[in-house]
């Protein structure tokens, strides 16, 4: 539970820092890729929040699939958001091929989350 909360908080804090860095220090570098970069930041923050929710639920729901969902969200952040950041900065478009793998990790994470919660009635 604690590790998942720390992981979610780290990713959330990084989303704020990366977003600010992109909006200010990388403004000229990003050019037309600024929306791609912003998409990476948004998805990172959404899924950092999801990881925090997983961390809070770990003490209340069967931890197996729920823990898997948290780690899949983390993998998704690295692959999806990370590839968008690198693509936006370097303009190396072949890196865009990694982005869908992160999307698949996000979707798999949400499926695991749904199954874990559906199998167990959380006591909040």
Protein backbone atom coordinates (compact mmCIF):
# COMPACT_ATOMS: atom_id res chain seq x y z
CA UNK A 1 0.00 0.00 0.00
CA UNK A 2 2.71 2.46 1.02
CA UNK A 3 4.88 1.72 -2.04
CA UNK A 4 1.92 2.32 -4.38
CA UNK A 5 1.09 5.64 -2.68
CA UNK A 6 4.73 6.74 -2.95
CA UNK A 7 4.87 5.67 -6.62
CA UNK A 8 1.68 7.59 -7.41
CA UNK A 9 2.92 10.68 -5.59
CA UNK A 10 6.26 10.57 -7.43
CA UNK A 11 4.54 10.33 -10.81
CA UNK A 12 2.10 13.14 -9.89
CA UNK A 13 4.89 15.41 -8.72
CA UNK A 14 6.89 14.66 -11.87
CA UNK A 15 3.84 15.48 -14.01
CA UNK A 16 3.68 18.93 -12.45
CA UNK A 17 7.41 19.50 -12.90
CA UNK A 18 7.54 18.12 -16.44
CA UNK A 19 4.46 20.13 -17.40
CA UNK A 20 5.97 23.35 -16.08
CA UNK A 21 9.32 22.60 -17.71
CA UNK A 22 7.59 21.97 -21.04
CA UNK A 23 5.47 25.11 -20.82
CA UNK A 24 8.41 27.37 -20.01
CA UNK A 25 11.91 26.02 -20.68
CA UNK A 26 10.96 23.89 -23.70
CA UNK A 27 8.49 26.30 -25.29
CA UNK A 28 10.72 27.03 -28.27
CA UNK A 29 12.00 23.46 -28.62
CA UNK A 30 8.54 21.86 -28.66
CA UNK A 31 7.02 24.10 -31.32
CA UNK A 32 4.09 22.31 -32.92
CA UNK A 33 4.69 19.29 -30.65
CA UNK A 34 3.52 21.18 -27.56
CA UNK A 35 0.09 19.49 -27.66
CA UNK A 36 1.75 16.07 -27.90
CA UNK A 37 3.86 16.95 -24.87
CA UNK A 38 0.79 18.21 -22.99
CA UNK A 39 -1.04 14.96 -23.77
CA UNK A 40 1.80 13.06 -22.13
CA UNK A 41 1.57 15.26 -19.03
CA UNK A 42 -2.22 14.86 -18.81
CA UNK A 43 -2.13 11.08 -19.12
CA UNK A 44 0.70 10.92 -16.60
CA UNK A 45 -1.31 12.92 -14.06
CA UNK A 46 -4.52 10.93 -14.70
CA UNK A 47 -2.73 7.66 -14.12
CA UNK A 48 -0.64 8.93 -11.20
CA UNK A 49 -3.99 9.71 -9.57
CA UNK A 50 -5.19 6.21 -10.46
CA UNK A 51 -2.09 4.75 -8.79
CA UNK A 52 -2.88 6.78 -5.66
CA UNK A 53 -6.43 5.38 -5.69
CA UNK A 54 -5.04 1.86 -6.08
CA UNK A 55 -2.77 2.52 -3.10
CA UNK A 56 -5.70 3.63 -0.98
CA UNK A 57 -7.78 0.62 -1.99
CA UNK A 58 -5.04 -1.95 -1.39
CA UNK A 59 -6.01 -2.25 2.24
CA UNK A 60 -9.66 -2.74 1.34
CA UNK A 61 -9.72 -5.01 -1.73
CA UNK A 62 -8.01 -8.26 -2.79
CA UNK A 63 -4.53 -7.03 -3.60
CA UNK A 64 -3.63 -9.38 -6.47
CA UNK A 65 -5.20 -7.76 -9.52
CA UNK A 66 -5.39 -4.38 -7.87
CA UNK A 67 -1.61 -4.28 -7.37
CA UNK A 68 -1.13 -5.46 -10.97
CA UNK A 69 -3.33 -2.57 -12.16
CA UNK A 70 -1.15 -0.06 -10.29
CA UNK A 71 2.01 -1.41 -11.87
CA UNK A 72 0.39 -1.48 -15.32
CA UNK A 73 -0.53 2.20 -14.85
CA UNK A 74 3.11 2.92 -13.97
CA UNK A 75 4.37 1.02 -17.03
CA UNK A 76 1.83 2.91 -19.14
CA UNK A 77 3.12 6.25 -17.84
CA UNK A 78 6.71 5.35 -18.71
CA UNK A 79 5.87 4.01 -22.19
CA UNK A 80 3.01 6.32 -23.21
CA UNK A 81 3.94 9.63 -21.61
CA UNK A 82 7.67 8.97 -21.79
CA UNK A 83 7.58 8.26 -25.52
CA UNK A 84 5.50 11.41 -26.12
CA UNK A 85 8.02 13.50 -24.15
CA UNK A 86 10.98 12.12 -26.07
CA UNK A 87 9.15 12.41 -29.41
CA UNK A 88 8.19 16.02 -28.68
CA UNK A 89 11.72 17.04 -27.75
CA UNK A 90 13.73 15.07 -30.31
CA UNK A 91 11.18 14.99 -33.17
CA UNK A 92 12.22 11.35 -33.79
CA UNK A 93 8.85 10.09 -35.01
CA UNK A 94 9.76 6.39 -34.88
CA UNK A 95 9.47 6.70 -31.09
CA UNK A 96 5.74 7.13 -31.62
CA UNK A 97 5.61 3.35 -32.15
CA UNK A 98 6.17 2.87 -28.41
CA UNK A 99 3.20 5.05 -27.43
CA UNK A 100 0.49 2.45 -28.20
CA UNK A 101 2.26 -0.07 -25.94
CA UNK A 102 1.76 2.37 -23.10
CA UNK A 103 -1.89 2.75 -24.09
CA UNK A 104 -2.31 -1.02 -23.96
CA UNK A 105 -0.75 -1.04 -20.47
CA UNK A 106 -3.22 1.66 -19.38
CA UNK A 107 -6.19 -0.31 -20.75
CA UNK A 108 -4.96 -3.55 -19.17
CA UNK A 109 -4.53 -1.70 -15.88
CA UNK A 110 -8.11 -0.44 -16.00
CA UNK A 111 -9.40 -3.94 -16.81
CA UNK A 112 -7.51 -5.37 -13.82
CA UNK A 113 -8.83 -2.55 -11.64
CA UNK A 114 -12.44 -3.23 -12.71
CA UNK A 115 -12.13 -6.97 -12.09
CA UNK A 116 -10.46 -6.46 -8.69
CA UNK A 117 -13.17 -4.08 -7.50
CA UNK A 118 -16.01 -6.14 -9.03
CA UNK A 119 -14.79 -9.29 -7.24
CA UNK A 120 -14.54 -7.53 -3.88
CA UNK A 121 -16.83 -5.01 -2.29
CA UNK A 122 -14.46 -2.29 -1.02
CA UNK A 123 -15.19 -0.93 2.44
CA UNK A 124 -14.44 2.76 2.24
